[in-house]
C-alpha atoms as a PDB file:
ATOM      1  CA  MET A   1     -23.053  -1.005  -4.094  1.00  0.00           C
ATOM      2  CA  ARG A   2     -22.286   0.213  -0.622  1.00  0.00           C
ATOM      3  CA  LEU A   3     -19.535   2.239   0.815  1.00  0.00           C
ATOM      4  CA  ALA A   4     -17.995  -0.714   2.572  1.00  0.00           C
ATOM      5  CA  ASP A   5     -17.729  -2.361  -0.756  1.00  0.00           C
ATOM      6  CA  LEU A   6     -15.374   0.493  -2.129  1.00  0.00           C
ATOM      7  CA  PHE A   7     -13.191   1.502   0.962  1.00  0.00           C
ATOM      8  CA  ARG A   8     -12.014   0.020   4.117  1.00  0.00           C
ATOM      9  CA  ALA A   9     -13.018   1.322   7.341  1.00  0.00           C
ATOM     10  CA  ARG A  10      -9.835   3.473   7.845  1.00  0.00           C
ATOM     11  CA  ASP A  11     -10.047   4.960   4.464  1.00  0.00           C
ATOM     12  CA  VAL A  12     -13.773   5.955   5.524  1.00  0.00           C
ATOM     13  CA  SER A  13     -12.105   7.570   8.599  1.00  0.00           C
ATOM     14  CA  ARG A  14      -9.623   9.580   6.330  1.00  0.00           C
ATOM     15  CA  ILE A  15     -12.518  10.755   4.009  1.00  0.00           C
ATOM     16  CA  GLU A  16     -14.326  12.222   6.931  1.00  0.00           C
ATOM     17  CA  THR A  17     -11.296  14.268   7.951  1.00  0.00           C
ATOM     18  CA  LEU A  18     -11.208  16.192   4.829  1.00  0.00           C
ATOM     19  CA  ARG A  19     -13.006  19.279   3.994  1.00  0.00           C
ATOM     20  CA  LEU A  20     -13.817  20.616   0.593  1.00  0.00           C
ATOM     21  CA  VAL A  21     -14.808  24.389   0.512  1.00  0.00           C
ATOM     22  CA  ALA A  22     -16.033  26.399  -2.473  1.00  0.00           C
ATOM     23  CA  ARG A  23     -13.724  29.155  -3.682  1.00  0.00           C
ATOM     24  CA  GLY A  24     -16.259  31.661  -4.575  1.00  0.00           C
ATOM     25  CA  ALA A  25     -19.990  32.559  -3.510  1.00  0.00           C
ATOM     26  CA  VAL A  26     -22.341  29.791  -3.577  1.00  0.00           C
ATOM     27  CA  GLU A  27     -26.083  29.544  -3.285  1.00  0.00           C
ATOM     28  CA  GLY A  28     -27.564  26.765  -1.121  1.00  0.00           C
ATOM     29  CA  LEU A  29     -30.609  25.982   0.814  1.00  0.00           C
ATOM     30  CA  ALA A  30     -29.359  26.087   4.398  1.00  0.00           C
ATOM     31  CA  ALA A  31     -26.779  27.977   6.738  1.00  0.00           C
ATOM     32  CA  GLY A  32     -23.476  26.439   6.553  1.00  0.00           C
ATOM     33  CA  ARG A  33     -19.995  27.350   5.932  1.00  0.00           C
ATOM     34  CA  HIS A  34     -19.399  28.469   2.538  1.00  0.00           C
ATOM     35  CA  ARG A  35     -19.674  32.106   1.379  1.00  0.00           C
ATOM     36  CA  SER A  36     -23.138  33.197  -0.154  1.00  0.00           C
ATOM     37  CA  PRO A  37     -23.692  35.979  -2.663  1.00  0.00           C
ATOM     38  CA  ASN A  38     -26.596  37.008  -0.506  1.00  0.00           C
ATOM     39  CA  LYS A  39     -26.605  39.290   2.700  1.00  0.00           C
ATOM     40  CA  GLY A  40     -27.961  37.985   5.862  1.00  0.00           C
ATOM     41  CA  SER A  41     -27.027  37.226   9.378  1.00  0.00           C
ATOM     42  CA  SER A  42     -23.648  36.223  10.196  1.00  0.00           C
ATOM     43  CA  VAL A  43     -20.531  36.801  12.304  1.00  0.00           C
ATOM     44  CA  GLU A  44     -18.708  38.387   9.258  1.00  0.00           C
ATOM     45  CA  PHE A  45     -19.360  42.160   8.478  1.00  0.00           C
ATOM     46  CA  LYS A  46     -19.554  42.955   5.006  1.00  0.00           C
ATOM     47  CA  GLU A  47     -20.558  46.702   4.570  1.00  0.00           C
ATOM     48  CA  HIS A  48     -22.665  49.750   5.677  1.00  0.00           C
ATOM     49  CA  ARG A  49     -25.526  51.132   3.624  1.00  0.00           C
ATOM     50  CA  PRO A  50     -27.942  54.071   4.158  1.00  0.00           C
ATOM     51  CA  TYR A  51     -31.038  53.481   6.488  1.00  0.00           C
ATOM     52  CA  VAL A  52     -34.195  53.464   4.402  1.00  0.00           C
ATOM     53  CA  PRO A  53     -37.733  53.483   6.039  1.00  0.00           C
ATOM     54  CA  GLY A  54     -38.762  49.827   6.806  1.00  0.00           C
ATOM     55  CA  ASP A  55     -35.409  48.438   7.816  1.00  0.00           C
ATOM     56  CA  GLU A  56     -35.131  46.762  11.082  1.00  0.00           C
ATOM     57  CA  LEU A  57     -34.217  49.057  13.941  1.00  0.00           C
ATOM     58  CA  ARG A  58     -31.989  46.411  15.361  1.00  0.00           C
ATOM     59  CA  ASN A  59     -29.689  46.645  12.529  1.00  0.00           C
ATOM     60  CA  ILE A  60     -28.525  50.197  12.846  1.00  0.00           C
ATOM     61  CA  ASP A  61     -25.020  50.899  13.625  1.00  0.00           C
ATOM     62  CA  TRP A  62     -25.583  53.122  16.446  1.00  0.00           C
ATOM     63  CA  LYS A  63     -21.676  53.866  16.730  1.00  0.00           C
ATOM     64  CA  ALA A  64     -21.713  55.186  13.227  1.00  0.00           C
ATOM     65  CA  PHE A  65     -24.553  57.281  13.881  1.00  0.00           C
ATOM     66  CA  GLY A  66     -22.786  58.845  16.847  1.00  0.00           C
ATOM     67  CA  LYS A  67     -19.868  59.603  14.377  1.00  0.00           C
ATOM     68  CA  SER A  68     -21.752  60.984  11.378  1.00  0.00           C
ATOM     69  CA  ASP A  69     -25.253  61.801  12.662  1.00  0.00           C
ATOM     70  CA  ARG A  70     -26.575  59.673   9.931  1.00  0.00           C
ATOM     71  CA  LEU A  71     -28.484  56.183  10.329  1.00  0.00           C
ATOM     72  CA  TYR A  72     -26.616  53.154   8.527  1.00  0.00           C
ATOM     73  CA  ILE A  73     -27.385  49.552   8.424  1.00  0.00           C
ATOM     74  CA  ARG A  74     -24.954  47.017   9.177  1.00  0.00           C
ATOM     75  CA  GLU A  75     -24.842  44.099   6.526  1.00  0.00           C
ATOM     76  CA  PHE A  76     -23.152  40.895   7.006  1.00  0.00           C
ATOM     77  CA  GLU A  77     -22.132  38.131   4.629  1.00  0.00           C
ATOM     78  CA  GLU A  78     -24.419  35.207   4.723  1.00  0.00           C
ATOM     79  CA  GLU A  79     -22.925  31.711   4.738  1.00  0.00           C
ATOM     80  CA  THR A  80     -24.559  28.697   3.261  1.00  0.00           C
ATOM     81  CA  ASN A  81     -24.362  25.073   2.334  1.00  0.00           C
ATOM     82  CA  LEU A  82     -22.339  24.020  -0.752  1.00  0.00           C
ATOM     83  CA  ARG A  83     -24.510  22.536  -3.590  1.00  0.00           C
ATOM     84  CA  CYS A  84     -22.235  20.319  -5.518  1.00  0.00           C
ATOM     85  CA  MET A  85     -23.016  18.267  -9.017  1.00  0.00           C
ATOM     86  CA  LEU A  86     -20.783  15.412  -9.880  1.00  0.00           C
ATOM     87  CA  LEU A  87     -20.234  14.618 -13.870  1.00  0.00           C
ATOM     88  CA  VAL A  88     -18.982  11.069 -14.275  1.00  0.00           C
ATOM     89  CA  ASP A  89     -17.781   9.961 -17.716  1.00  0.00           C
ATOM     90  CA  HIS A  90     -19.220   6.483 -18.603  1.00  0.00           C
ATOM     91  CA  SER A  91     -18.148   6.615 -22.201  1.00  0.00           C
ATOM     92  CA  GLY A  92     -16.482   3.503 -24.102  1.00  0.00           C
ATOM     93  CA  SER A  93     -13.010   4.930 -23.311  1.00  0.00           C
ATOM     94  CA  MET A  94     -13.403   4.667 -19.653  1.00  0.00           C
ATOM     95  CA  ALA A  95     -13.691   1.053 -19.793  1.00  0.00           C
ATOM     96  CA  TYR A  96      -9.760   0.602 -20.068  1.00  0.00           C
ATOM     97  CA  GLY A  97      -7.837  -0.879 -17.362  1.00  0.00           C
ATOM     98  CA  GLY A  98      -4.211  -2.088 -17.272  1.00  0.00           C
ATOM     99  CA  ASP A  99      -2.146  -4.222 -15.164  1.00  0.00           C
ATOM    100  CA  ARG A 100      -0.707  -1.557 -13.072  1.00  0.00           C
ATOM    101  CA  ALA A 101      -4.010  -0.389 -12.152  1.00  0.00           C
ATOM    102  CA  ARG A 102      -5.289  -3.652 -11.370  1.00  0.00           C
ATOM    103  CA  SER A 103      -2.443  -4.316  -8.788  1.00  0.00           C
ATOM    104  CA  LEU A 104      -3.190  -1.204  -6.390  1.00  0.00           C
ATOM    105  CA  THR A 105       0.332  -0.836  -5.396  1.00  0.00           C
ATOM    106  CA  ARG A 106       1.154   1.114  -2.116  1.00  0.00           C
ATOM    107  CA  GLU A 107       4.323   2.727  -1.625  1.00  0.00           C
ATOM    108  CA  ALA A 108       7.228   0.939   0.344  1.00  0.00           C
ATOM    109  CA  VAL A 109       6.891   1.205   4.095  1.00  0.00           C
ATOM    110  CA  SER A 110       9.965   2.037   6.253  1.00  0.00           C
ATOM    111  CA  THR A 111      10.810  -0.618   8.936  1.00  0.00           C
ATOM    112  CA  LYS A 112      13.295  -0.546  11.768  1.00  0.00           C
ATOM    113  CA  SER A 113      15.798  -3.294  11.909  1.00  0.00           C
ATOM    114  CA  SER A 114      18.894  -3.343  14.417  1.00  0.00           C
ATOM    115  CA  GLY A 115      18.229   0.337  15.079  1.00  0.00           C
ATOM    116  CA  LYS A 116      18.337   1.458  11.273  1.00  0.00           C
ATOM    117  CA  THR A 117      15.682   2.276   9.087  1.00  0.00           C
ATOM    118  CA  SER A 118      15.516   0.549   5.765  1.00  0.00           C
ATOM    119  CA  ALA A 119      12.745   0.496   3.044  1.00  0.00           C
ATOM    120  CA  SER A 120      10.996  -2.690   2.469  1.00  0.00           C
ATOM    121  CA  PRO A 121       9.889  -4.035  -0.996  1.00  0.00           C
ATOM    122  CA  THR A 122       6.587  -2.462  -2.378  1.00  0.00           C
ATOM    123  CA  ALA A 123       3.593  -4.382  -0.919  1.00  0.00           C
ATOM    124  CA  VAL A 124       0.516  -5.322  -3.000  1.00  0.00           C
ATOM    125  CA  VAL A 125      -2.704  -4.241  -1.386  1.00  0.00           C
ATOM    126  CA  PRO A 126      -5.560  -7.178  -2.218  1.00  0.00           C
ATOM    127  CA  PRO A 127      -8.005  -5.246  -4.516  1.00  0.00           C
ATOM    128  CA  PRO A 128     -11.760  -5.608  -3.698  1.00  0.00           C
ATOM    129  CA  SER A 129     -13.497  -8.410  -5.466  1.00  0.00           C
ATOM    130  CA  TRP A 130     -15.257  -5.985  -7.760  1.00  0.00           C
ATOM    131  CA  TRP A 131     -12.199  -4.276  -8.880  1.00  0.00           C
ATOM    132  CA  GLU A 132     -10.808  -4.650 -12.393  1.00  0.00           C
ATOM    133  CA  GLY A 133      -8.742  -1.623 -12.660  1.00  0.00           C
ATOM    134  CA  THR A 134     -10.828   0.468 -15.161  1.00  0.00           C
ATOM    135  CA  LYS A 135     -10.910   4.038 -15.407  1.00  0.00           C
ATOM    136  CA  GLN A 136     -14.847   4.046 -15.017  1.00  0.00           C
ATOM    137  CA  GLU A 137     -14.379   2.084 -11.703  1.00  0.00           C
ATOM    138  CA  TYR A 138     -11.770   4.807 -10.550  1.00  0.00           C
ATOM    139  CA  ALA A 139     -14.025   7.561 -11.459  1.00  0.00           C
ATOM    140  CA  SER A 140     -17.139   6.132  -9.552  1.00  0.00           C
ATOM    141  CA  GLY A 141     -14.910   5.560  -6.655  1.00  0.00           C
ATOM    142  CA  LEU A 142     -13.810   9.280  -6.715  1.00  0.00           C
ATOM    143  CA  ALA A 143     -17.409  10.370  -6.961  1.00  0.00           C
ATOM    144  CA  ALA A 144     -18.555   7.952  -4.205  1.00  0.00           C
ATOM    145  CA  ALA A 145     -15.857   9.248  -1.702  1.00  0.00           C
ATOM    146  CA  LEU A 146     -16.716  12.867  -2.847  1.00  0.00           C
ATOM    147  CA  SER A 147     -20.320  12.390  -2.068  1.00  0.00           C
ATOM    148  CA  TYR A 148     -19.534  10.899   1.180  1.00  0.00           C
ATOM    149  CA  LEU A 149     -17.070  13.712   2.136  1.00  0.00           C
ATOM    150  CA  LEU A 150     -19.821  16.361   1.127  1.00  0.00           C
ATOM    151  CA  LEU A 151     -22.769  14.699   2.891  1.00  0.00           C
ATOM    152  CA  SER A 152     -20.712  14.354   5.826  1.00  0.00           C
ATOM    153  CA  SER A 153     -20.313  18.033   5.792  1.00  0.00           C
ATOM    154  CA  GLN A 154     -24.193  18.725   5.499  1.00  0.00           C
ATOM    155  CA  ASP A 155     -23.626  19.780   2.163  1.00  0.00           C
ATOM    156  CA  SER A 156     -25.758  18.606  -0.942  1.00  0.00           C
ATOM    157  CA  VAL A 157     -24.594  16.698  -3.899  1.00  0.00           C
ATOM    158  CA  GLY A 158     -26.045  15.372  -7.041  1.00  0.00           C
ATOM    159  CA  LEU A 159     -24.844  13.189  -9.673  1.00  0.00           C
ATOM    160  CA  MET A 160     -25.007  13.111 -13.601  1.00  0.00           C
ATOM    161  CA  THR A 161     -23.460  10.117 -15.589  1.00  0.00           C
ATOM    162  CA  PHE A 162     -22.954  10.542 -19.366  1.00  0.00           C
ATOM    163  CA  ASP A 163     -21.283   9.439 -22.505  1.00  0.00           C
ATOM    164  CA  SER A 164     -22.463  11.367 -25.737  1.00  0.00           C
ATOM    165  CA  ARG A 165     -25.230  12.952 -23.522  1.00  0.00           C
ATOM    166  CA  VAL A 166     -26.421  12.808 -19.825  1.00  0.00           C
ATOM    167  CA  ARG A 167     -27.663   9.282 -19.109  1.00  0.00           C
ATOM    168  CA  GLY A 168     -28.179   9.211 -15.370  1.00  0.00           C
ATOM    169  CA  PHE A 169     -29.289  12.153 -13.063  1.00  0.00           C
ATOM    170  CA  VAL A 170     -29.436  12.336  -9.478  1.00  0.00           C
ATOM    171  CA  PRO A 171     -30.705  15.777  -8.185  1.00  0.00           C
ATOM    172  CA  PRO A 172     -28.841  17.205  -5.343  1.00  0.00           C
ATOM    173  CA  ARG A 173     -29.863  16.481  -1.814  1.00  0.00           C
ATOM    174  CA  MET A 174     -28.077  16.754   1.594  1.00  0.00           C
ATOM    175  CA  LEU A 175     -29.638  13.839   3.518  1.00  0.00           C
ATOM    176  CA  PRO A 176     -27.294  11.114   4.593  1.00  0.00           C
ATOM    177  CA  SER A 177     -29.649   8.501   2.905  1.00  0.00           C
ATOM    178  CA  HIS A 178     -28.933  10.189  -0.386  1.00  0.00           C
ATOM    179  CA  LEU A 179     -25.756   8.427  -0.592  1.00  0.00           C
ATOM    180  CA  ASN A 180     -27.560   5.293  -1.547  1.00  0.00           C
ATOM    181  CA  ALA A 181     -29.123   6.794  -4.580  1.00  0.00           C
ATOM    182  CA  ILE A 182     -25.808   8.006  -5.849  1.00  0.00           C
ATOM    183  CA  LEU A 183     -24.076   4.595  -5.388  1.00  0.00           C
ATOM    184  CA  THR A 184     -26.972   2.739  -7.111  1.00  0.00           C
ATOM    185  CA  THR A 185     -26.707   5.019  -9.972  1.00  0.00           C
ATOM    186  CA  LEU A 186     -22.716   4.710 -10.337  1.00  0.00           C
ATOM    187  CA  ALA A 187     -23.070   0.925 -10.007  1.00  0.00           C
ATOM    188  CA  ASN A 188     -26.029   0.450 -12.502  1.00  0.00           C
ATOM    189  CA  ASP A 189     -25.189   2.718 -15.294  1.00  0.00           C
ATOM    190  CA  GLN A 190     -23.389   0.804 -18.133  1.00  0.00           C
ATOM    191  CA  ARG A 191     -20.570   2.188 -20.283  1.00  0.00           C
ATOM    192  CA  GLY A 192     -21.747   3.833 -23.401  1.00  0.00           C
ATOM    193  CA  GLY A 193     -20.262   4.678 -26.808  1.00  0.00           C
ATOM    194  CA  GLU A 194     -18.156   7.914 -27.785  1.00  0.00           C
ATOM    195  CA  THR A 195     -18.426  11.286 -25.560  1.00  0.00           C
ATOM    196  CA  ASP A 196     -18.365  14.977 -26.446  1.00  0.00           C
ATOM    197  CA  LEU A 197     -17.698  16.963 -23.024  1.00  0.00           C
ATOM    198  CA  GLY A 198     -18.568  20.070 -24.556  1.00  0.00           C
ATOM    199  CA  THR A 199     -22.092  19.292 -25.512  1.00  0.00           C
ATOM    200  CA  VAL A 200     -22.436  17.183 -22.349  1.00  0.00           C
ATOM    201  CA  LEU A 201     -21.355  20.330 -20.068  1.00  0.00           C
ATOM    202  CA  ARG A 202     -23.788  22.532 -21.908  1.00  0.00           C
ATOM    203  CA  GLN A 203     -26.553  20.110 -20.990  1.00  0.00           C
ATOM    204  CA  ALA A 204     -25.477  20.002 -17.387  1.00  0.00           C
ATOM    205  CA  ALA A 205     -25.454  23.795 -17.239  1.00  0.00           C
ATOM    206  CA  VAL A 206     -29.428  23.765 -17.650  1.00  0.00           C
ATOM    207  CA  LYS A 207     -29.853  21.632 -14.632  1.00  0.00           C
ATOM    208  CA  LEU A 208     -27.717  23.828 -12.516  1.00  0.00           C
ATOM    209  CA  PRO A 209     -29.937  26.798 -11.658  1.00  0.00           C
ATOM    210  CA  ARG A 210     -27.684  28.064  -8.511  1.00  0.00           C
ATOM    211  CA  ARG A 211     -24.159  28.856  -8.174  1.00  0.00           C
ATOM    212  CA  GLY A 212     -22.194  25.982  -6.696  1.00  0.00           C
ATOM    213  CA  LEU A 213     -19.531  23.428  -7.205  1.00  0.00           C
ATOM    214  CA  VAL A 214     -19.289  21.324 -10.427  1.00  0.00           C
ATOM    215  CA  VAL A 215     -16.754  18.327 -10.501  1.00  0.00           C
ATOM    216  CA  LEU A 216     -16.082  16.783 -13.881  1.00  0.00           C
ATOM    217  CA  ILE A 217     -14.347  13.129 -13.659  1.00  0.00           C
ATOM    218  CA  SER A 218     -13.472  12.164 -17.228  1.00  0.00           C
ATOM    219  CA  ASP A 219     -10.292  10.954 -19.038  1.00  0.00           C
ATOM    220  CA  GLY A 220     -10.815  14.236 -21.202  1.00  0.00           C
ATOM    221  CA  PHE A 221     -10.589  12.425 -24.491  1.00  0.00           C
ATOM    222  CA  GLY A 222     -12.717  14.576 -27.025  1.00  0.00           C
ATOM    223  CA  ASP A 223     -12.966  18.123 -28.781  1.00  0.00           C
ATOM    224  CA  VAL A 224     -10.732  20.240 -26.493  1.00  0.00           C
ATOM    225  CA  GLU A 225     -12.159  23.403 -28.113  1.00  0.00           C
ATOM    226  CA  SER A 226     -15.711  22.325 -27.191  1.00  0.00           C
ATOM    227  CA  LEU A 227     -14.865  21.727 -23.948  1.00  0.00           C
ATOM    228  CA  GLY A 228     -13.201  25.076 -23.462  1.00  0.00           C
ATOM    229  CA  ARG A 229     -16.251  26.898 -24.671  1.00  0.00           C
ATOM    230  CA  SER A 230     -18.434  24.870 -22.239  1.00  0.00           C
ATOM    231  CA  LEU A 231     -15.997  25.656 -19.229  1.00  0.00           C
ATOM    232  CA  THR A 232     -16.202  29.378 -20.295  1.00  0.00           C
ATOM    233  CA  LEU A 233     -20.189  29.257 -20.136  1.00  0.00           C
ATOM    234  CA  LEU A 234     -20.055  27.504 -16.503  1.00  0.00           C
ATOM    235  CA  ARG A 235     -17.677  30.157 -15.244  1.00  0.00           C
ATOM    236  CA  ALA A 236     -20.015  32.684 -16.573  1.00  0.00           C
ATOM    237  CA  GLU A 237     -22.652  31.272 -14.718  1.00  0.00           C
ATOM    238  CA  ARG A 238     -20.415  31.686 -11.687  1.00  0.00           C
ATOM    239  CA  GLN A 239     -19.949  27.974 -11.113  1.00  0.00           C
ATOM    240  CA  ASP A 240     -16.911  26.904  -9.214  1.00  0.00           C
ATOM    241  CA  VAL A 241     -15.484  24.135 -11.472  1.00  0.00           C
ATOM    242  CA  ILE A 242     -13.133  21.333 -11.010  1.00  0.00           C
ATOM    243  CA  PHE A 243     -11.781  18.807 -13.489  1.00  0.00           C
ATOM    244  CA  LEU A 244     -10.311  15.575 -12.488  1.00  0.00           C
ATOM    245  CA  GLN A 245      -8.813  14.033 -15.557  1.00  0.00           C
ATOM    246  CA  VAL A 246      -8.493  10.165 -14.950  1.00  0.00           C
ATOM    247  CA  LEU A 247      -5.962   8.221 -17.149  1.00  0.00           C
ATOM    248  CA  ASP A 248      -4.577   4.831 -17.019  1.00  0.00           C
ATOM    249  CA  PRO A 249      -0.804   4.504 -16.541  1.00  0.00           C
ATOM    250  CA  ASP A 250      -0.343   2.842 -19.885  1.00  0.00           C
ATOM    251  CA  GLU A 251      -1.975   5.632 -21.509  1.00  0.00           C
ATOM    252  CA  VAL A 252       0.464   7.975 -19.960  1.00  0.00           C
ATOM    253  CA  ASP A 253       3.714   6.252 -20.898  1.00  0.00           C
ATOM    254  CA  PHE A 254       2.740   3.650 -23.518  1.00  0.00           C
ATOM    255  CA  PRO A 255       4.707   0.621 -22.358  1.00  0.00           C
ATOM    256  CA  PHE A 256       3.680  -1.663 -25.301  1.00  0.00           C
ATOM    257  CA  THR A 257       6.204  -3.298 -27.536  1.00  0.00           C
ATOM    258  CA  ASP A 258       6.126  -5.492 -30.748  1.00  0.00           C
ATOM    259  CA  ARG A 259       2.909  -5.990 -32.858  1.00  0.00           C
ATOM    260  CA  ILE A 260      -0.269  -5.520 -30.805  1.00  0.00           C
ATOM    261  CA  GLU A 261      -3.770  -5.428 -31.643  1.00  0.00           C
ATOM    262  CA  PHE A 262      -5.558  -2.136 -30.546  1.00  0.00           C
ATOM    263  CA  ARG A 263      -9.332  -2.037 -30.213  1.00  0.00           C
ATOM    264  CA  ASP A 264     -11.487   1.028 -30.212  1.00  0.00           C
ATOM    265  CA  LEU A 265     -13.467   0.742 -27.066  1.00  0.00           C
ATOM    266  CA  GLU A 266     -15.828   3.337 -28.383  1.00  0.00           C
ATOM    267  CA  ALA A 267     -16.537   1.721 -31.614  1.00  0.00           C
ATOM    268  CA  GLU A 268     -15.811  -2.068 -31.065  1.00  0.00           C
ATOM    269  CA  THR A 269     -15.861  -2.994 -34.585  1.00  0.00           C
ATOM    270  CA  GLN A 270     -12.580  -1.185 -35.276  1.00  0.00           C
ATOM    271  CA  ARG A 271      -9.475  -3.074 -34.475  1.00  0.00           C
ATOM    272  CA  GLU A 272      -6.070  -2.878 -35.968  1.00  0.00           C
ATOM    273  CA  VAL A 273      -2.696  -4.550 -35.486  1.00  0.00           C
ATOM    274  CA  ILE A 274       0.075  -2.011 -35.053  1.00  0.00           C
ATOM    275  CA  ASP A 275       3.819  -2.209 -34.308  1.00  0.00           C
ATOM    276  CA  ALA A 276       3.769  -0.435 -31.043  1.00  0.00           C
ATOM    277  CA  ARG A 277       7.313   0.727 -31.080  1.00  0.00           C
ATOM    278  CA  GLN A 278       6.826   2.457 -34.464  1.00  0.00           C
ATOM    279  CA  ILE A 279       3.884   4.757 -33.135  1.00  0.00           C
ATOM    280  CA  ARG A 280       5.074   5.308 -29.440  1.00  0.00           C
ATOM    281  CA  THR A 281       6.764   8.610 -30.161  1.00  0.00           C
ATOM    282  CA  ARG A 282       3.969  10.117 -32.107  1.00  0.00           C
ATOM    283  CA  TYR A 283       1.471   8.825 -29.728  1.00  0.00           C
ATOM    284  CA  LEU A 284       3.195  10.370 -26.773  1.00  0.00           C
ATOM    285  CA  GLU A 285       3.568  13.990 -28.499  1.00  0.00           C
ATOM    286  CA  SER A 286       0.024  13.779 -29.649  1.00  0.00           C
ATOM    287  CA  LEU A 287      -1.086  13.108 -25.871  1.00  0.00           C
ATOM    288  CA  SER A 288       1.250  15.760 -24.694  1.00  0.00           C
ATOM    289  CA  ARG A 289      -0.188  18.191 -26.876  1.00  0.00           C
ATOM    290  CA  HIS A 290      -3.833  16.949 -26.087  1.00  0.00           C
ATOM    291  CA  ASN A 291      -3.282  17.465 -22.317  1.00  0.00           C
ATOM    292  CA  ALA A 292      -1.392  20.851 -22.765  1.00  0.00           C
ATOM    293  CA  MET A 293      -4.564  22.353 -24.664  1.00  0.00           C
ATOM    294  CA  ILE A 294      -6.821  20.958 -21.659  1.00  0.00           C
ATOM    295  CA  ALA A 295      -4.523  22.643 -19.147  1.00  0.00           C
ATOM    296  CA  ALA A 296      -4.562  25.741 -21.021  1.00  0.00           C
ATOM    297  CA  ALA A 297      -8.386  25.817 -21.339  1.00  0.00           C
ATOM    298  CA  CYS A 298      -8.751  25.206 -17.597  1.00  0.00           C
ATOM    299  CA  ARG A 299      -6.196  27.858 -16.733  1.00  0.00           C
ATOM    300  CA  ARG A 300      -7.854  30.437 -18.870  1.00  0.00           C
ATOM    301  CA  ASN A 301     -11.203  29.807 -17.317  1.00  0.00           C
ATOM    302  CA  ARG A 302      -9.837  29.558 -13.917  1.00  0.00           C
ATOM    303  CA  VAL A 303     -10.766  25.867 -13.451  1.00  0.00           C
ATOM    304  CA  ASP A 304      -8.867  23.536 -11.165  1.00  0.00           C
ATOM    305  CA  HIS A 305      -7.462  20.704 -13.199  1.00  0.00           C
ATOM    306  CA  LEU A 306      -5.668  17.697 -11.649  1.00  0.00           C
ATOM    307  CA  LEU A 307      -4.318  14.730 -13.916  1.00  0.00           C
ATOM    308  CA  ILE A 308      -4.498  11.349 -11.988  1.00  0.00           C
ATOM    309  CA  THR A 309      -3.582   7.999 -12.861  1.00  0.00           C
ATOM    310  CA  THR A 310      -5.438   4.834 -11.807  1.00  0.00           C
ATOM    311  CA  ASP A 311      -2.426   3.138 -10.038  1.00  0.00           C
ATOM    312  CA  LEU A 312      -2.943   5.672  -6.938  1.00  0.00           C
ATOM    313  CA  PRO A 313      -5.134   4.634  -4.255  1.00  0.00           C
ATOM    314  CA  LEU A 314      -8.362   6.664  -4.286  1.00  0.00           C
ATOM    315  CA  VAL A 315      -8.142   8.054  -0.805  1.00  0.00           C
ATOM    316  CA  ASP A 316      -4.666   9.243  -1.165  1.00  0.00           C
ATOM    317  CA  CYS A 317      -5.598  11.001  -4.497  1.00  0.00           C
ATOM    318  CA  LEU A 318      -8.510  12.675  -2.829  1.00  0.00           C
ATOM    319  CA  SER A 319      -6.420  13.574   0.158  1.00  0.00           C
ATOM    320  CA  ARG A 320      -3.567  15.138  -1.932  1.00  0.00           C
ATOM    321  CA  PHE A 321      -6.085  17.199  -4.205  1.00  0.00           C
ATOM    322  CA  VAL A 322      -7.978  18.587  -1.080  1.00  0.00           C
ATOM    323  CA  ALA A 323      -4.647  19.821   0.400  1.00  0.00           C
ATOM    324  CA  MET A 324      -3.608  21.324  -2.866  1.00  0.00           C
ATOM    325  CA  ARG A 325      -6.971  23.164  -3.181  1.00  0.00           C
ATOM    326  CA  GLN A 326      -6.715  24.514   0.286  1.00  0.00           C
ATOM    327  CA  ALA A 327      -3.371  25.811  -0.406  1.00  0.00           C
ATOM    328  CA  GLY A 328      -4.276  27.717  -3.477  1.00  0.00           C
ATOM    329  CA  PRO A 329      -5.663  27.303  -7.024  1.00  0.00           C
ATOM    330  CA  VAL A 330      -4.829  24.149  -8.821  1.00  0.00           C
ATOM    331  CA  SER A 331      -4.231  25.274 -12.105  1.00  0.00           C
ATOM    332  CA  GLY A 332      -2.921  23.331 -15.168  1.00  0.00           C
ATOM    333  CA  SER A 333      -2.074  19.756 -14.812  1.00  0.00           C
ATOM    334  CA  ALA A 334      -0.995  18.862 -11.217  1.00  0.00           C
ATOM    335  CA  THR A 335       1.158  15.799 -10.899  1.00  0.00           C
ATOM    336  CA  VAL A 336      -0.306  13.076  -8.511  1.00  0.00           C
ATOM    337  CA  SER A 337       1.264   9.926  -9.749  1.00  0.00           C
ATOM    338  CA  LYS A 338       5.135   9.473 -10.586  1.00  0.00           C
ATOM    339  CA  VAL A 339       4.270   8.332 -14.277  1.00  0.00           C
ATOM    340  CA  ILE A 340       2.829  11.811 -15.100  1.00  0.00           C
ATOM    341  CA  ALA A 341       6.122  13.547 -14.267  1.00  0.00           C
ATOM    342  CA  ASN A 342       7.152  13.515 -17.853  1.00  0.00           C
ATOM    343  CA  PRO A 343       4.935  11.742 -20.526  1.00  0.00           C
ATOM    344  CA  GLY A 344       7.792  11.556 -23.007  1.00  0.00           C
ATOM    345  CA  THR A 345       9.869   9.100 -20.982  1.00  0.00           C
ATOM    346  CA  ARG A 346       9.426   5.857 -19.466  1.00  0.00           C
ATOM    347  CA  GLU A 347      10.199   4.973 -15.873  1.00  0.00           C
END
C-alpha cells in the first residue's frame, strides 16, 4: 500500500500543513520543536541555579553576579523531536462497514447562479478501489495520515496493531522511508478476534521507554474499567495519550428495521435473527452508557478523546482534530460527525 493509494494529491498537501504538537514534555533523540524534560541549549530560559565547580564559565549569568555578587548558571529548556506510537485496533469488530461509510459523501457545495448563492445537492466522491468502508480501513487510513504528518515534521513514529494482544510492531523511526514499513504493516495485518484494550495498553507500555505521544485508534468495544486502569498507567509514565474512537454511523444511530440477522464479527459462529425495532431503544441506551464511561475515563486521566464516524472524510477528520487540540484539551466525546450529536435520535 502506498500513500497515493489512500489519498489524493490535494489531501496529501492538506496533511503537510498540519502540525501535531505534544502537550507535555517528551523525550526524543534529536533537536526539534517539542518541550523536553531535560535542560540544555535553547532560546527559552528556564531557571537559575548556583554555580558549582566544573560548570562551564560561558553559562554564568554575569548580570546576576553583578547584582548579587554570587555566581549563577543560566539553564534553558531543551527542545526535542516527538516520539509517537500509534496503536491500531485490528480486532474482529473493526471489520464492520455500513452503506453510509462506503459512499464517502461530502458536504454540499455552494454555487453562484444569477448573482445568488444556492446549495447544490450532496455530491458523492468516488471511493478508492480498495475501499469497502470498514472501521479497520478507516483506522488504518488515520494511522497512515498521522504517520505522514509526523515524519514530515521530522518526528519519529512507530506502530502497533492488535486484537487481544499486540500482533504487529514497527519501532519508532524518523526517516521518511520509514513510512513504507508502517503502510506495509497496516496493509498486511489481518483482523483477529476479540480485543482487550486494557491488556493491550499494558503490553504496549513495556515497549514505550521514553515519554512521548501514544495514539490509540479503536472502536472502544470492551471492558471500560480495564481500559481506564491502563490509561492511568500510561499517564503515570507521563505519556501524552490520544484516543480516537472510530464507529460506523450504523453503530451510532441503529437505522435497522424489521427482522434482521446479526452476526458476531469476533465469534462468527454466533448468529441471531432479531426484530431490530424491539431492541433499538435498549441498544442506544447501552451504547450511550458505554461511551459515557469511556469519556469519563479519558477526562479522569487527562486523555484527549474524539468520537469519529467513518462517513467523515479522513483528512477532514484529522484537520478538525488537530485544530481542536491546538485550541485546548479535547476532553470527553468531541463531536465530529452530525450523527453523533445525539445517539438517542435518528436524523
